Protein backbone atom coordinates (compact mmCIF):
# COMPACT_ATOMS: atom_id res chain seq x y z
CA UNK A 1 0.00 0.00 0.00
CA UNK A 2 1.16 3.49 -0.73
CA UNK A 3 2.28 5.41 2.33
CA UNK A 4 0.67 8.71 3.14
CA UNK A 5 1.53 11.68 5.29
CA UNK A 6 -2.01 12.42 6.46
CA UNK A 7 -3.38 9.55 8.52
CA UNK A 8 -6.92 10.34 7.29
CA UNK A 9 -6.04 9.92 3.62
CA UNK A 10 -7.73 6.77 2.33
CA UNK A 11 -5.49 3.75 1.82
CA UNK A 12 -5.97 1.57 -1.22
CA UNK A 13 -4.52 -1.88 -1.85
CA UNK A 14 -2.63 -2.74 -5.02
CA UNK A 15 -3.99 -5.55 -7.21
CA UNK A 16 -1.46 -7.97 -5.69
CA UNK A 17 -2.34 -6.89 -2.15
CA UNK A 18 -6.05 -7.35 -2.89
CA UNK A 19 -5.44 -11.08 -3.35
CA UNK A 20 -3.66 -11.21 0.01
CA UNK A 21 -6.47 -9.27 1.69
CA UNK A 22 -9.04 -11.69 0.24
CA UNK A 23 -7.13 -14.61 1.77
CA UNK A 24 -6.79 -12.71 5.04
CA UNK A 25 -10.53 -12.04 5.10
CA UNK A 26 -11.33 -15.74 4.61
CA UNK A 27 -9.05 -16.61 7.51
CA UNK A 28 -10.47 -13.92 9.80
CA UNK A 29 -14.12 -14.62 8.95
CA UNK A 30 -14.21 -17.71 11.13
CA UNK A 31 -11.93 -16.46 13.88
CA UNK A 32 -13.91 -13.41 15.03
CA UNK A 33 -16.82 -15.39 16.47
CA UNK A 34 -14.80 -17.12 19.13
CA UNK A 35 -11.45 -18.29 17.88
CA UNK A 36 -8.02 -16.99 18.72
CA UNK A 37 -5.40 -15.46 16.51
CA UNK A 38 -1.75 -14.97 17.34
CA UNK A 39 0.41 -12.25 15.87
CA UNK A 40 4.01 -13.42 15.49
CA UNK A 41 6.81 -10.87 15.22
CA UNK A 42 10.05 -11.27 13.27
CA UNK A 43 11.83 -12.42 16.45
CA UNK A 44 9.27 -15.20 16.99
CA UNK A 45 7.56 -13.46 19.90
CA UNK A 46 3.78 -13.82 19.72
CA UNK A 47 0.80 -12.00 21.19
CA UNK A 48 -2.90 -12.85 21.11
CA UNK A 49 -4.92 -10.44 18.97
CA UNK A 50 -7.86 -8.98 20.96
CA UNK A 51 -11.37 -9.70 19.61
CA UNK A 52 -12.02 -6.02 18.91
CA UNK A 53 -8.88 -5.90 16.76
CA UNK A 54 -9.96 -9.10 14.97
CA UNK A 55 -13.23 -7.42 14.02
CA UNK A 56 -11.39 -4.37 12.67
CA UNK A 57 -8.92 -6.53 10.75
CA UNK A 58 -11.77 -8.56 9.24
CA UNK A 59 -13.64 -5.43 8.11
CA UNK A 60 -10.46 -3.84 6.77
CA UNK A 61 -9.49 -6.96 4.84
CA UNK A 62 -12.96 -7.24 3.30
CA UNK A 63 -13.01 -3.61 2.13
CA UNK A 64 -9.47 -3.65 0.74
CA UNK A 65 -9.95 -7.05 -0.95
CA UNK A 66 -12.83 -5.73 -3.04
CA UNK A 67 -10.72 -2.75 -4.15
CA UNK A 68 -12.26 -0.01 -2.03
CA UNK A 69 -10.18 2.48 -0.08
CA UNK A 70 -10.33 2.76 3.71
CA UNK A 71 -9.54 5.38 6.35
CA UNK A 72 -9.17 4.90 10.06
CA UNK A 73 -10.41 7.91 12.04
CA UNK A 74 -10.17 8.18 15.83
CA UNK A 75 -13.61 9.01 17.25
CA UNK A 76 -12.39 12.11 19.09
CA UNK A 77 -10.40 13.35 16.12
CA UNK A 78 -11.09 16.88 14.97
CA UNK A 79 -11.35 17.21 11.22
CA UNK A 80 -10.69 20.04 8.81
CA UNK A 81 -13.54 21.09 6.55
CA UNK A 82 -11.88 19.29 3.61
CA UNK A 83 -11.48 16.04 5.57
CA UNK A 84 -15.11 16.20 6.72
CA UNK A 85 -16.30 16.95 3.18
CA UNK A 86 -14.33 13.97 1.87
CA UNK A 87 -15.92 11.67 4.46
CA UNK A 88 -19.42 12.87 3.50
CA UNK A 89 -18.50 12.80 -0.20
CA UNK A 90 -19.60 16.41 -0.70
CA UNK A 91 -17.78 19.58 -1.74
CA UNK A 92 -16.01 21.63 0.90
CA UNK A 93 -18.21 24.61 0.03
CA UNK A 94 -21.38 22.57 0.64
CA UNK A 95 -19.99 21.33 3.97
CA UNK A 96 -19.23 24.91 5.04
CA UNK A 97 -22.85 25.80 4.25
CA UNK A 98 -24.02 22.91 6.47
CA UNK A 99 -21.79 24.21 9.26
CA UNK A 100 -22.93 27.81 8.87
CA UNK A 101 -26.59 26.68 8.84
CA UNK A 102 -26.01 24.93 12.19
CA UNK A 103 -26.67 21.42 10.84
CA UNK A 104 -23.28 20.14 12.03
CA UNK A 105 -21.64 21.44 15.21
CA UNK A 106 -18.13 22.89 14.87
CA UNK A 107 -15.74 25.22 16.60
CA UNK A 108 -13.06 27.55 15.39
CA UNK A 109 -9.34 27.11 15.86
CA UNK A 110 -8.24 30.62 14.99
CA UNK A 111 -9.89 31.31 11.65
CA UNK A 112 -10.29 27.62 10.77
CA UNK A 113 -13.38 25.51 11.39
CA UNK A 114 -12.91 22.16 13.12
CA UNK A 115 -15.49 19.37 13.22
CA UNK A 116 -15.43 16.51 15.71
CA UNK A 117 -15.66 13.16 13.98
CA UNK A 118 -18.39 12.13 16.44
CA UNK A 119 -20.57 15.07 15.36
CA UNK A 120 -19.93 14.35 11.69
CA UNK A 121 -20.85 10.70 12.18
CA UNK A 122 -24.13 11.64 13.91
CA UNK A 123 -25.00 13.98 11.04
CA UNK A 124 -24.20 11.30 8.44
CA UNK A 125 -26.31 8.66 10.20
CA UNK A 126 -29.26 11.09 10.48
CA UNK A 127 -28.87 12.14 6.83
CA UNK A 128 -28.74 8.52 5.64
CA UNK A 129 -31.81 7.60 7.72
CA UNK A 130 -33.77 10.54 6.27
CA UNK A 131 -32.72 9.56 2.74
CA UNK A 132 -33.95 6.00 3.25
CA UNK A 133 -37.24 7.23 4.69
CA UNK A 134 -37.72 9.59 1.74
CA UNK A 135 -36.97 6.81 -0.75
CA UNK A 136 -39.39 4.48 1.02
CA UNK A 137 -42.09 7.18 0.87
CA UNK A 138 -41.39 7.82 -2.82
CA UNK A 139 -41.63 4.08 -3.53
CA UNK A 140 -44.92 3.86 -1.60
CA UNK A 141 -46.39 6.81 -3.50
CA UNK A 142 -45.26 5.41 -6.84
CA UNK A 143 -46.90 2.07 -6.05
CA UNK A 144 -50.04 3.79 -4.80
CA UNK A 145 -50.42 5.74 -8.04
CA UNK A 146 -49.70 2.72 -10.27
CA UNK A 147 -46.23 3.81 -11.33
CA UNK A 148 -44.95 0.25 -11.54
CA UNK A 149 -47.87 -1.27 -13.46
CA UNK A 150 -46.30 -0.63 -16.89
CA UNK A 151 -43.09 -2.53 -16.13
CA UNK A 152 -42.64 -5.94 -17.82
């Protein structure tokens, strides 16, 4: 994987690494529900991998194996507006509008806005829930008015 200077930059596996991550995922899939995994260092010293770390490794391996990028963000991390916009997959200007409208809490560090990851996550979950509810309502209305009757 390519190294990066900013720990929030997404990491992406090479094609060769994707194969290794797929194998890793298969191994971890069965271990997380109750098995044990040992991590062995170059000097032969081993340590048991905690269950919470197994879960993270399994999820990471699955995402990287299918070719998606991944970022690890500490929950209490404060994000720049660009980092927050990247996580929400929106423009920085749109994110700033959300902040200025009071939809996402933030504070200023000098002249710069900072967003807590926790607050961003809450906003994203609420936004996604509202989107699903709106789509469900649109589907219901379409069915109610016979919008699907013409489909083969």
